[in-house]
Amino acid sequence: MKKSYQITGMTCEGCKKLVHDSLIKVDGVDKVDIDLESGQGTIDSKNIVQIAVLQRALSNTLYKISEAEDEAEETGETRSEQYRKLVIDYVTAIGQFDDEKLRSCLHPNFEFDGGMKTNSASDFINMLAEHASSGHAGILKNEIRAIFLDGDEACVIYDMHTNKSVPPVTFMEQLVFENKKLKSTKMKFERPKMEKLIAAIQSA
């Protein structure tokens, strides 16, 4: 489970290291990522860790930790609303291969795992561009069926419609957000329908 926090008082890499080393010792915490410039931290834990427990871990320091504000001042949207819009834009951009919109959704170090793997937004977009230029799937659109949000993670289920005479292929992606961008995804799909689509492409 990932959750974002705001950490105040950090001014240098030494501060960042001290905060990291203090929080990583908290029982149940698996991973701590801290962005010094924004003062935001992301904690990955097995279960929910109470904010009081995290603050206690920093009690011998000058730093304060609080839950990240759900309200985005510049838009008035809640974080959940922002994430939902981000997921919709991402899935739609893939279906239309709108590389500009897609790039705006992705963290520079976006990691894709879905049969093939890429480790940056540029590599992912280049991979899609190769498919689009070759008419590999003939994607017409992606139609979202459901979005589930849980903190800084989401699951989206959507149908990919193509110009081939085969049923739409259903995909499920498990997404992780970081700094208001998509940081990674793990994709699964209906293999029997995908095999029919591949056969249709190869016979064209």
N, C-alpha and C. Protein backbone atom coordinates (compact mmCIF):
# COMPACT_ATOMS: atom_id res chain seq x y z
N MET A 1 0.84 -1.18 0.00
CA MET A 1 0.00 0.00 0.00
C MET A 1 0.88 1.24 0.00
N LYS A 2 0.64 2.13 -0.96
CA LYS A 2 1.43 3.35 -1.04
C LYS A 2 0.59 4.54 -0.62
N LYS A 3 1.25 5.47 0.08
CA LYS A 3 0.56 6.68 0.50
C LYS A 3 1.54 7.84 0.49
N SER A 4 1.03 9.02 0.13
CA SER A 4 1.88 10.21 0.02
C SER A 4 1.77 11.07 1.27
N TYR A 5 2.89 11.72 1.60
CA TYR A 5 2.95 12.59 2.77
C TYR A 5 3.71 13.86 2.43
N GLN A 6 3.46 14.90 3.22
CA GLN A 6 4.21 16.14 3.10
C GLN A 6 5.17 16.21 4.28
N ILE A 7 6.44 16.49 3.99
CA ILE A 7 7.46 16.55 5.03
C ILE A 7 8.08 17.94 5.01
N THR A 8 8.06 18.60 6.14
CA THR A 8 8.60 19.96 6.22
C THR A 8 9.89 19.98 7.03
N GLY A 9 10.74 20.97 6.73
CA GLY A 9 11.98 21.16 7.48
C GLY A 9 13.23 20.68 6.77
N MET A 10 13.08 19.96 5.65
CA MET A 10 14.25 19.44 4.93
C MET A 10 14.86 20.54 4.06
N THR A 11 16.18 20.66 4.11
CA THR A 11 16.86 21.68 3.31
C THR A 11 18.02 21.12 2.48
N CYS A 12 18.41 19.87 2.73
CA CYS A 12 19.58 19.33 2.02
C CYS A 12 19.47 17.81 1.92
N GLU A 13 20.43 17.23 1.21
CA GLU A 13 20.44 15.78 1.05
C GLU A 13 20.63 15.06 2.38
N GLY A 14 21.36 15.71 3.30
CA GLY A 14 21.54 15.12 4.63
C GLY A 14 20.21 15.01 5.37
N CYS A 15 19.38 16.06 5.23
CA CYS A 15 18.04 16.03 5.84
C CYS A 15 17.23 14.89 5.25
N LYS A 16 17.28 14.79 3.93
CA LYS A 16 16.52 13.75 3.23
C LYS A 16 16.93 12.37 3.71
N LYS A 17 18.24 12.16 3.87
CA LYS A 17 18.73 10.85 4.32
C LYS A 17 18.29 10.55 5.75
N LEU A 18 18.32 11.56 6.61
CA LEU A 18 17.92 11.36 8.00
C LEU A 18 16.44 11.00 8.10
N VAL A 19 15.61 11.70 7.32
CA VAL A 19 14.18 11.39 7.30
C VAL A 19 13.94 9.98 6.78
N HIS A 20 14.61 9.66 5.67
CA HIS A 20 14.46 8.32 5.09
C HIS A 20 14.86 7.24 6.09
N ASP A 21 16.03 7.41 6.70
CA ASP A 21 16.54 6.39 7.62
C ASP A 21 15.66 6.24 8.86
N SER A 22 15.00 7.32 9.26
CA SER A 22 14.12 7.26 10.42
C SER A 22 12.81 6.55 10.09
N LEU A 23 12.26 6.86 8.92
CA LEU A 23 10.96 6.29 8.54
C LEU A 23 11.05 4.83 8.13
N ILE A 24 12.16 4.45 7.51
CA ILE A 24 12.29 3.07 7.02
C ILE A 24 12.36 2.08 8.19
N LYS A 25 12.68 2.58 9.38
CA LYS A 25 12.77 1.70 10.56
C LYS A 25 11.40 1.42 11.18
N VAL A 26 10.38 2.16 10.75
CA VAL A 26 9.04 1.96 11.32
C VAL A 26 8.52 0.58 10.94
N ASP A 27 7.96 -0.10 11.91
CA ASP A 27 7.44 -1.45 11.69
C ASP A 27 6.37 -1.44 10.60
N GLY A 28 6.54 -2.30 9.61
CA GLY A 28 5.57 -2.41 8.52
C GLY A 28 5.92 -1.61 7.29
N VAL A 29 6.86 -0.68 7.41
CA VAL A 29 7.26 0.14 6.26
C VAL A 29 8.27 -0.63 5.42
N ASP A 30 7.97 -0.76 4.13
CA ASP A 30 8.84 -1.51 3.22
C ASP A 30 9.76 -0.61 2.40
N LYS A 31 9.26 0.57 2.06
CA LYS A 31 10.03 1.44 1.17
C LYS A 31 9.65 2.89 1.43
N VAL A 32 10.64 3.77 1.35
CA VAL A 32 10.41 5.20 1.53
C VAL A 32 11.08 5.94 0.37
N ASP A 33 10.31 6.75 -0.34
CA ASP A 33 10.85 7.60 -1.40
C ASP A 33 10.57 9.05 -1.03
N ILE A 34 11.59 9.89 -1.13
CA ILE A 34 11.44 11.29 -0.74
C ILE A 34 11.93 12.20 -1.86
N ASP A 35 11.13 13.20 -2.18
CA ASP A 35 11.52 14.21 -3.16
C ASP A 35 11.85 15.48 -2.39
N LEU A 36 13.12 15.83 -2.36
CA LEU A 36 13.58 16.97 -1.55
C LEU A 36 12.98 18.28 -2.04
N GLU A 37 12.90 18.45 -3.35
CA GLU A 37 12.43 19.72 -3.92
C GLU A 37 10.99 20.02 -3.53
N SER A 38 10.12 19.01 -3.63
CA SER A 38 8.70 19.24 -3.34
C SER A 38 8.37 19.01 -1.86
N GLY A 39 9.27 18.31 -1.16
CA GLY A 39 9.00 17.98 0.24
C GLY A 39 8.00 16.86 0.39
N GLN A 40 7.76 16.13 -0.68
CA GLN A 40 6.81 15.03 -0.63
C GLN A 40 7.52 13.70 -0.42
N GLY A 41 6.88 12.84 0.34
CA GLY A 41 7.40 11.50 0.56
C GLY A 41 6.33 10.47 0.26
N THR A 42 6.77 9.33 -0.24
CA THR A 42 5.86 8.22 -0.51
C THR A 42 6.31 7.02 0.30
N ILE A 43 5.40 6.46 1.06
CA ILE A 43 5.72 5.32 1.91
C ILE A 43 4.94 4.10 1.44
N ASP A 44 5.66 3.03 1.21
CA ASP A 44 5.06 1.76 0.81
C ASP A 44 5.08 0.84 2.02
N SER A 45 3.90 0.40 2.45
CA SER A 45 3.82 -0.42 3.66
C SER A 45 2.84 -1.56 3.47
N LYS A 46 2.98 -2.58 4.30
CA LYS A 46 2.09 -3.74 4.22
C LYS A 46 0.68 -3.36 4.64
N ASN A 47 0.57 -2.52 5.66
CA ASN A 47 -0.72 -2.07 6.17
C ASN A 47 -0.66 -0.57 6.40
N ILE A 48 -1.79 0.02 6.71
CA ILE A 48 -1.83 1.45 6.99
C ILE A 48 -1.00 1.76 8.23
N VAL A 49 -0.10 2.73 8.11
CA VAL A 49 0.71 3.18 9.25
C VAL A 49 0.15 4.52 9.71
N GLN A 50 -0.22 4.60 10.97
CA GLN A 50 -0.82 5.82 11.49
C GLN A 50 0.19 6.97 11.43
N ILE A 51 -0.34 8.17 11.14
CA ILE A 51 0.52 9.34 11.02
C ILE A 51 1.26 9.62 12.33
N ALA A 52 0.62 9.31 13.46
CA ALA A 52 1.26 9.54 14.76
C ALA A 52 2.50 8.67 14.92
N VAL A 53 2.46 7.47 14.36
CA VAL A 53 3.61 6.56 14.43
C VAL A 53 4.77 7.11 13.61
N LEU A 54 4.44 7.65 12.44
CA LEU A 54 5.48 8.22 11.58
C LEU A 54 6.09 9.47 12.22
N GLN A 55 5.23 10.30 12.81
CA GLN A 55 5.75 11.50 13.46
C GLN A 55 6.62 11.15 14.65
N ARG A 56 6.25 10.07 15.35
CA ARG A 56 7.05 9.63 16.50
C ARG A 56 8.44 9.20 16.04
N ALA A 57 8.51 8.63 14.84
CA ALA A 57 9.81 8.20 14.31
C ALA A 57 10.72 9.40 14.03
N LEU A 58 10.09 10.57 13.84
CA LEU A 58 10.87 11.80 13.57
C LEU A 58 10.94 12.70 14.80
N SER A 59 10.55 12.18 15.95
CA SER A 59 10.43 13.01 17.15
C SER A 59 11.76 13.61 17.61
N ASN A 60 12.86 12.97 17.28
CA ASN A 60 14.18 13.49 17.68
C ASN A 60 14.81 14.36 16.60
N THR A 61 14.00 14.77 15.63
CA THR A 61 14.49 15.62 14.55
C THR A 61 13.65 16.90 14.50
N LEU A 62 13.99 17.78 13.57
CA LEU A 62 13.24 19.03 13.40
C LEU A 62 12.17 18.91 12.32
N TYR A 63 11.99 17.71 11.78
CA TYR A 63 11.10 17.53 10.63
C TYR A 63 9.69 17.13 11.08
N LYS A 64 8.73 17.58 10.30
CA LYS A 64 7.33 17.26 10.56
C LYS A 64 6.74 16.55 9.34
N ILE A 65 5.91 15.56 9.61
CA ILE A 65 5.28 14.81 8.52
C ILE A 65 3.76 14.89 8.68
N SER A 66 3.08 15.06 7.57
CA SER A 66 1.62 15.13 7.58
C SER A 66 1.10 14.47 6.32
N GLU A 67 -0.16 14.06 6.36
CA GLU A 67 -0.75 13.45 5.18
C GLU A 67 -0.87 14.50 4.09
N ALA A 68 -0.58 14.09 2.85
CA ALA A 68 -0.66 15.01 1.72
C ALA A 68 -2.09 15.51 1.57
N GLU A 69 -2.21 16.78 1.26
CA GLU A 69 -3.54 17.36 1.10
C GLU A 69 -4.26 16.76 -0.08
N ASP A 70 -5.51 16.38 0.11
CA ASP A 70 -6.32 15.86 -0.99
C ASP A 70 -6.75 16.96 -1.94
N GLU A 71 -6.81 18.18 -1.43
CA GLU A 71 -7.26 19.27 -2.28
C GLU A 71 -6.09 19.85 -3.06
N ALA A 72 -6.23 19.92 -4.36
CA ALA A 72 -5.21 20.54 -5.21
C ALA A 72 -5.58 22.00 -5.39
N GLU A 73 -4.77 22.89 -4.84
CA GLU A 73 -5.13 24.30 -4.79
C GLU A 73 -5.35 24.90 -6.18
N GLU A 74 -4.53 24.46 -7.14
CA GLU A 74 -4.61 25.11 -8.43
C GLU A 74 -5.86 24.75 -9.22
N THR A 75 -6.48 23.62 -8.94
CA THR A 75 -7.65 23.20 -9.71
C THR A 75 -8.89 23.02 -8.86
N GLY A 76 -8.73 22.89 -7.56
CA GLY A 76 -9.88 22.63 -6.70
C GLY A 76 -10.32 21.18 -6.74
N GLU A 77 -9.62 20.34 -7.51
CA GLU A 77 -9.97 18.93 -7.60
C GLU A 77 -9.33 18.16 -6.45
N THR A 78 -9.99 17.11 -5.99
CA THR A 78 -9.37 16.25 -5.01
C THR A 78 -8.32 15.41 -5.71
N ARG A 79 -7.44 14.83 -4.92
CA ARG A 79 -6.40 13.98 -5.50
C ARG A 79 -7.01 12.79 -6.24
N SER A 80 -8.08 12.22 -5.67
CA SER A 80 -8.74 11.09 -6.33
C SER A 80 -9.30 11.50 -7.69
N GLU A 81 -9.86 12.70 -7.76
CA GLU A 81 -10.39 13.19 -9.03
C GLU A 81 -9.27 13.39 -10.05
N GLN A 82 -8.14 13.91 -9.57
CA GLN A 82 -7.00 14.10 -10.45
C GLN A 82 -6.50 12.76 -10.98
N TYR A 83 -6.40 11.78 -10.09
CA TYR A 83 -5.91 10.46 -10.49
C TYR A 83 -6.87 9.81 -11.48
N ARG A 84 -8.16 9.94 -11.22
CA ARG A 84 -9.15 9.35 -12.13
C ARG A 84 -9.02 9.97 -13.53
N LYS A 85 -8.88 11.28 -13.58
CA LYS A 85 -8.73 11.97 -14.86
C LYS A 85 -7.43 11.53 -15.56
N LEU A 86 -6.38 11.35 -14.77
CA LEU A 86 -5.10 10.92 -15.32
C LEU A 86 -5.21 9.53 -15.95
N VAL A 87 -5.93 8.63 -15.28
CA VAL A 87 -6.13 7.28 -15.81
C VAL A 87 -6.93 7.33 -17.12
N ILE A 88 -7.99 8.13 -17.12
CA ILE A 88 -8.82 8.26 -18.33
C ILE A 88 -7.99 8.81 -19.49
N ASP A 89 -7.21 9.85 -19.22
CA ASP A 89 -6.37 10.45 -20.27
C ASP A 89 -5.35 9.43 -20.80
N TYR A 90 -4.77 8.66 -19.89
CA TYR A 90 -3.76 7.66 -20.27
C TYR A 90 -4.36 6.59 -21.18
N VAL A 91 -5.48 6.01 -20.76
CA VAL A 91 -6.10 4.94 -21.55
C VAL A 91 -6.59 5.47 -22.89
N THR A 92 -7.18 6.66 -22.88
CA THR A 92 -7.66 7.27 -24.12
C THR A 92 -6.51 7.58 -25.06
N ALA A 93 -5.42 8.10 -24.52
CA ALA A 93 -4.26 8.46 -25.34
C ALA A 93 -3.64 7.24 -26.01
N ILE A 94 -3.63 6.11 -25.31
CA ILE A 94 -3.11 4.88 -25.91
C ILE A 94 -4.01 4.47 -27.08
N GLY A 95 -5.33 4.53 -26.87
CA GLY A 95 -6.26 4.14 -27.92
C GLY A 95 -6.17 5.01 -29.15
N GLN A 96 -5.90 6.29 -28.95
CA GLN A 96 -5.82 7.24 -30.08
C GLN A 96 -4.37 7.45 -30.53
N PHE A 97 -3.45 6.86 -29.83
CA PHE A 97 -2.02 7.14 -29.93
C PHE A 97 -1.77 8.65 -30.04
N ASP A 98 -2.18 9.32 -28.98
CA ASP A 98 -1.93 10.75 -28.83
C ASP A 98 -0.67 10.88 -27.99
N ASP A 99 0.50 10.92 -28.66
CA ASP A 99 1.75 10.87 -27.91
C ASP A 99 1.96 12.08 -27.02
N GLU A 100 1.43 13.24 -27.42
CA GLU A 100 1.58 14.44 -26.59
C GLU A 100 0.80 14.31 -25.29
N LYS A 101 -0.45 13.85 -25.40
CA LYS A 101 -1.26 13.65 -24.19
C LYS A 101 -0.66 12.54 -23.33
N LEU A 102 -0.19 11.49 -23.99
CA LEU A 102 0.39 10.36 -23.26
C LEU A 102 1.62 10.80 -22.47
N ARG A 103 2.46 11.58 -23.10
CA ARG A 103 3.68 12.04 -22.42
C ARG A 103 3.34 12.91 -21.21
N SER A 104 2.25 13.67 -21.31
CA SER A 104 1.86 14.53 -20.19
C SER A 104 1.36 13.72 -18.99
N CYS A 105 0.98 12.46 -19.23
CA CYS A 105 0.47 11.60 -18.16
C CYS A 105 1.58 10.87 -17.42
N LEU A 106 2.73 10.70 -18.08
CA LEU A 106 3.73 9.76 -17.60
C LEU A 106 4.90 10.43 -16.87
N HIS A 107 5.34 9.78 -15.81
CA HIS A 107 6.59 10.14 -15.14
C HIS A 107 7.74 9.83 -16.11
N PRO A 108 8.79 10.64 -16.14
CA PRO A 108 9.90 10.37 -17.08
C PRO A 108 10.46 8.95 -16.96
N ASN A 109 10.43 8.39 -15.74
CA ASN A 109 10.94 7.03 -15.52
C ASN A 109 9.81 6.01 -15.45
N PHE A 110 8.77 6.24 -16.22
CA PHE A 110 7.62 5.35 -16.26
C PHE A 110 8.05 3.92 -16.62
N GLU A 111 7.58 2.95 -15.84
CA GLU A 111 7.93 1.55 -16.05
C GLU A 111 6.70 0.78 -16.53
N PHE A 112 6.84 0.12 -17.66
CA PHE A 112 5.74 -0.67 -18.23
C PHE A 112 6.12 -2.14 -18.20
N ASP A 113 5.18 -2.96 -17.71
CA ASP A 113 5.38 -4.41 -17.67
C ASP A 113 4.11 -5.06 -18.19
N GLY A 114 4.17 -5.52 -19.43
CA GLY A 114 2.97 -6.13 -20.01
C GLY A 114 3.33 -7.04 -21.16
N GLY A 115 4.11 -8.06 -20.88
CA GLY A 115 4.65 -8.90 -21.94
C GLY A 115 6.01 -8.35 -22.35
N MET A 116 6.00 -7.16 -22.93
CA MET A 116 7.23 -6.41 -23.16
C MET A 116 7.44 -5.47 -21.97
N LYS A 117 8.68 -5.03 -21.78
CA LYS A 117 8.98 -4.13 -20.67
C LYS A 117 9.73 -2.90 -21.18
N THR A 118 9.40 -1.75 -20.61
CA THR A 118 10.15 -0.53 -20.87
C THR A 118 10.40 0.16 -19.54
N ASN A 119 11.44 1.00 -19.49
CA ASN A 119 11.83 1.63 -18.24
C ASN A 119 11.84 3.16 -18.29
N SER A 120 11.21 3.72 -19.32
CA SER A 120 11.09 5.17 -19.38
C SER A 120 9.88 5.53 -20.22
N ALA A 121 9.38 6.74 -20.02
CA ALA A 121 8.23 7.21 -20.80
C ALA A 121 8.58 7.22 -22.29
N SER A 122 9.78 7.66 -22.61
CA SER A 122 10.19 7.75 -24.02
C SER A 122 10.21 6.37 -24.68
N ASP A 123 10.77 5.39 -23.97
CA ASP A 123 10.82 4.03 -24.53
C ASP A 123 9.42 3.47 -24.73
N PHE A 124 8.53 3.74 -23.78
CA PHE A 124 7.16 3.24 -23.88
C PHE A 124 6.45 3.87 -25.08
N ILE A 125 6.59 5.18 -25.23
CA ILE A 125 5.94 5.88 -26.34
C ILE A 125 6.53 5.43 -27.68
N ASN A 126 7.84 5.22 -27.72
CA ASN A 126 8.47 4.73 -28.95
C ASN A 126 7.96 3.33 -29.32
N MET A 127 7.75 2.50 -28.30
CA MET A 127 7.22 1.16 -28.55
C MET A 127 5.82 1.24 -29.16
N LEU A 128 4.98 2.11 -28.59
CA LEU A 128 3.63 2.28 -29.14
C LEU A 128 3.67 2.86 -30.55
N ALA A 129 4.62 3.77 -30.79
CA ALA A 129 4.75 4.38 -32.11
C ALA A 129 5.08 3.34 -33.17
N GLU A 130 5.93 2.39 -32.81
CA GLU A 130 6.29 1.32 -33.75
C GLU A 130 5.06 0.48 -34.10
N HIS A 131 4.25 0.17 -33.09
CA HIS A 131 3.03 -0.59 -33.34
C HIS A 131 2.06 0.21 -34.21
N ALA A 132 1.93 1.51 -33.90
CA ALA A 132 0.98 2.34 -34.64
C ALA A 132 1.40 2.50 -36.09
N SER A 133 2.70 2.70 -36.34
CA SER A 133 3.17 2.93 -37.71
C SER A 133 3.06 1.68 -38.57
N SER A 134 3.12 0.52 -37.92
CA SER A 134 3.02 -0.74 -38.67
C SER A 134 1.58 -1.23 -38.79
N GLY A 135 0.65 -0.48 -38.16
CA GLY A 135 -0.75 -0.92 -38.17
C GLY A 135 -0.92 -2.24 -37.45
N HIS A 136 -0.06 -2.45 -36.45
CA HIS A 136 0.03 -3.76 -35.79
C HIS A 136 -1.31 -4.26 -35.27
N ALA A 137 -2.05 -3.40 -34.59
CA ALA A 137 -3.32 -3.86 -34.02
C ALA A 137 -4.52 -3.17 -34.63
N GLY A 138 -4.31 -2.05 -35.32
CA GLY A 138 -5.43 -1.31 -35.89
C GLY A 138 -6.39 -0.86 -34.81
N ILE A 139 -5.86 -0.28 -33.73
CA ILE A 139 -6.71 0.13 -32.61
C ILE A 139 -7.64 1.26 -33.03
N LEU A 140 -8.92 1.10 -32.73
CA LEU A 140 -9.89 2.14 -33.00
C LEU A 140 -10.13 3.00 -31.76
N LYS A 141 -10.27 2.33 -30.62
CA LYS A 141 -10.47 3.06 -29.37
C LYS A 141 -10.32 2.11 -28.19
N ASN A 142 -10.08 2.69 -27.03
CA ASN A 142 -10.12 1.95 -25.77
C ASN A 142 -11.34 2.42 -24.99
N GLU A 143 -12.13 1.48 -24.53
CA GLU A 143 -13.36 1.81 -23.80
C GLU A 143 -13.23 1.34 -22.35
N ILE A 144 -13.21 2.30 -21.44
CA ILE A 144 -13.01 1.99 -20.02
C ILE A 144 -14.27 1.37 -19.43
N ARG A 145 -14.07 0.28 -18.71
CA ARG A 145 -15.18 -0.40 -18.03
C ARG A 145 -15.23 -0.05 -16.55
N ALA A 146 -14.07 0.09 -15.91
CA ALA A 146 -14.05 0.39 -14.47
C ALA A 146 -12.70 0.95 -14.06
N ILE A 147 -12.73 1.84 -13.07
CA ILE A 147 -11.52 2.38 -12.46
C ILE A 147 -11.66 2.25 -10.95
N PHE A 148 -10.66 1.67 -10.30
CA PHE A 148 -10.64 1.53 -8.85
C PHE A 148 -9.42 2.27 -8.32
N LEU A 149 -9.63 3.17 -7.37
CA LEU A 149 -8.55 3.97 -6.80
C LEU A 149 -8.30 3.57 -5.35
N ASP A 150 -7.01 3.50 -4.98
CA ASP A 150 -6.63 3.17 -3.61
C ASP A 150 -5.35 3.93 -3.28
N GLY A 151 -5.50 5.11 -2.69
CA GLY A 151 -4.33 5.93 -2.38
C GLY A 151 -3.59 6.32 -3.64
N ASP A 152 -2.31 5.97 -3.70
CA ASP A 152 -1.49 6.30 -4.86
C ASP A 152 -1.42 5.14 -5.85
N GLU A 153 -2.42 4.29 -5.83
CA GLU A 153 -2.49 3.17 -6.77
C GLU A 153 -3.88 3.12 -7.40
N ALA A 154 -3.96 2.48 -8.55
CA ALA A 154 -5.25 2.35 -9.23
C ALA A 154 -5.26 1.08 -10.06
N CYS A 155 -6.46 0.61 -10.33
CA CYS A 155 -6.65 -0.51 -11.25
C CYS A 155 -7.67 -0.04 -12.29
N VAL A 156 -7.36 -0.23 -13.55
CA VAL A 156 -8.29 0.14 -14.61
C VAL A 156 -8.54 -1.07 -15.51
N ILE A 157 -9.79 -1.26 -15.87
CA ILE A 157 -10.18 -2.34 -16.78
C ILE A 157 -10.80 -1.69 -18.01
N TYR A 158 -10.32 -2.08 -19.18
CA TYR A 158 -10.85 -1.47 -20.41
C TYR A 158 -10.82 -2.47 -21.57
N ASP A 159 -11.66 -2.20 -22.55
CA ASP A 159 -11.73 -3.02 -23.77
C ASP A 159 -11.04 -2.29 -24.91
N MET A 160 -10.18 -3.00 -25.62
CA MET A 160 -9.52 -2.43 -26.79
C MET A 160 -10.25 -2.89 -28.04
N HIS A 161 -10.83 -1.93 -28.76
CA HIS A 161 -11.54 -2.21 -30.00
C HIS A 161 -10.59 -1.98 -31.18
N THR A 162 -10.57 -2.91 -32.12
CA THR A 162 -9.69 -2.79 -33.29
C THR A 162 -10.51 -2.87 -34.57
N ASN A 163 -9.82 -2.69 -35.69
CA ASN A 163 -10.50 -2.79 -36.98
C ASN A 163 -10.48 -4.22 -37.53
N LYS A 164 -10.11 -5.17 -36.69
CA LYS A 164 -10.12 -6.57 -37.08
C LYS A 164 -11.46 -7.21 -36.70
N SER A 165 -11.81 -8.26 -37.40
CA SER A 165 -13.10 -8.93 -37.16
C SER A 165 -12.98 -9.91 -36.00
N VAL A 166 -12.60 -9.39 -34.86
CA VAL A 166 -12.47 -10.20 -33.64
C VAL A 166 -13.08 -9.41 -32.48
N PRO A 167 -13.48 -10.11 -31.41
CA PRO A 167 -14.05 -9.40 -30.25
C PRO A 167 -13.02 -8.47 -29.62
N PRO A 168 -13.48 -7.42 -28.93
CA PRO A 168 -12.56 -6.54 -28.21
C PRO A 168 -11.75 -7.33 -27.18
N VAL A 169 -10.52 -6.91 -26.97
CA VAL A 169 -9.66 -7.55 -25.98
C VAL A 169 -9.74 -6.75 -24.69
N THR A 170 -10.00 -7.44 -23.58
CA THR A 170 -10.09 -6.76 -22.28
C THR A 170 -8.72 -6.74 -21.61
N PHE A 171 -8.36 -5.55 -21.14
CA PHE A 171 -7.08 -5.35 -20.44
C PHE A 171 -7.34 -4.92 -19.00
N MET A 172 -6.41 -5.27 -18.13
CA MET A 172 -6.41 -4.76 -16.76
C MET A 172 -5.01 -4.24 -16.47
N GLU A 173 -4.94 -3.01 -15.96
CA GLU A 173 -3.65 -2.44 -15.60
C GLU A 173 -3.66 -2.02 -14.14
N GLN A 174 -2.57 -2.35 -13.46
CA GLN A 174 -2.36 -1.91 -12.08
C GLN A 174 -1.37 -0.76 -12.12
N LEU A 175 -1.84 0.42 -11.79
CA LEU A 175 -1.07 1.65 -11.95
C LEU A 175 -0.59 2.19 -10.61
N VAL A 176 0.58 2.82 -10.64
CA VAL A 176 1.12 3.49 -9.45
C VAL A 176 1.42 4.94 -9.83
N PHE A 177 0.99 5.87 -8.96
CA PHE A 177 1.21 7.30 -9.20
C PHE A 177 2.39 7.81 -8.38
N GLU A 178 3.06 8.81 -8.92
CA GLU A 178 4.12 9.48 -8.17
C GLU A 178 4.22 10.91 -8.68
N ASN A 179 4.13 11.87 -7.75
CA ASN A 179 4.20 13.29 -8.11
C ASN A 179 3.22 13.65 -9.23
N LYS A 180 1.98 13.16 -9.08
CA LYS A 180 0.87 13.49 -9.99
C LYS A 180 1.09 12.97 -11.41
N LYS A 181 1.93 11.95 -11.55
CA LYS A 181 2.16 11.29 -12.83
C LYS A 181 2.04 9.79 -12.65
N LEU A 182 1.88 9.08 -13.77
CA LEU A 182 1.89 7.62 -13.71
C LEU A 182 3.33 7.15 -13.67
N LYS A 183 3.68 6.41 -12.62
CA LYS A 183 5.06 5.96 -12.44
C LYS A 183 5.29 4.56 -12.98
N SER A 184 4.27 3.69 -12.89
CA SER A 184 4.46 2.33 -13.39
C SER A 184 3.11 1.67 -13.63
N THR A 185 3.14 0.61 -14.44
CA THR A 185 1.94 -0.18 -14.66
C THR A 185 2.32 -1.62 -14.93
N LYS A 186 1.46 -2.52 -14.46
CA LYS A 186 1.55 -3.93 -14.82
C LYS A 186 0.27 -4.29 -15.55
N MET A 187 0.42 -4.80 -16.76
CA MET A 187 -0.74 -5.05 -17.62
C MET A 187 -1.01 -6.54 -17.75
N LYS A 188 -2.28 -6.89 -17.71
CA LYS A 188 -2.72 -8.25 -18.01
C LYS A 188 -3.85 -8.15 -19.03
N PHE A 189 -4.05 -9.21 -19.80
CA PHE A 189 -5.09 -9.17 -20.82
C PHE A 189 -5.67 -10.56 -21.03
N GLU A 190 -6.83 -10.60 -21.71
CA GLU A 190 -7.48 -11.87 -22.02
C GLU A 190 -6.68 -12.58 -23.12
N ARG A 191 -5.96 -13.60 -22.75
CA ARG A 191 -5.06 -14.25 -23.70
C ARG A 191 -5.78 -14.88 -24.90
N PRO A 192 -6.91 -15.60 -24.71
CA PRO A 192 -7.58 -16.21 -25.88
C PRO A 192 -8.00 -15.17 -26.92
N LYS A 193 -8.54 -14.04 -26.46
CA LYS A 193 -8.94 -12.99 -27.40
C LYS A 193 -7.73 -12.34 -28.06
N MET A 194 -6.65 -12.19 -27.29
CA MET A 194 -5.44 -11.62 -27.86
C MET A 194 -4.86 -12.54 -28.93
N GLU A 195 -4.93 -13.83 -28.69
CA GLU A 195 -4.44 -14.79 -29.68
C GLU A 195 -5.25 -14.71 -30.97
N LYS A 196 -6.56 -14.51 -30.84
CA LYS A 196 -7.40 -14.33 -32.04
C LYS A 196 -7.03 -13.06 -32.79
N LEU A 197 -6.75 -12.00 -32.03
CA LEU A 197 -6.36 -10.74 -32.66
C LEU A 197 -5.03 -10.89 -33.39
N ILE A 198 -4.07 -11.55 -32.76
CA ILE A 198 -2.76 -11.76 -33.38
C ILE A 198 -2.91 -12.58 -34.66
N ALA A 199 -3.75 -13.61 -34.60
CA ALA A 199 -3.99 -14.44 -35.79
C ALA A 199 -4.60 -13.62 -36.92
N ALA A 200 -5.52 -12.72 -36.56
CA ALA A 200 -6.16 -11.86 -37.57
C ALA A 200 -5.15 -10.91 -38.19
N ILE A 201 -4.24 -10.39 -37.37
CA ILE A 201 -3.21 -9.48 -37.88
C ILE A 201 -2.27 -10.21 -38.83
N GLN A 202 -1.87 -11.41 -38.43
CA GLN A 202 -0.91 -12.17 -39.23
C GLN A 202 -1.50 -12.64 -40.57
N SER A 203 -2.82 -12.82 -40.59
CA SER A 203 -3.45 -13.30 -41.83
C SER A 203 -3.84 -12.16 -42.77
N ALA A 204 -3.73 -10.92 -42.27
CA ALA A 204 -4.13 -9.76 -43.09
C ALA A 204 -3.13 -9.52 -44.23
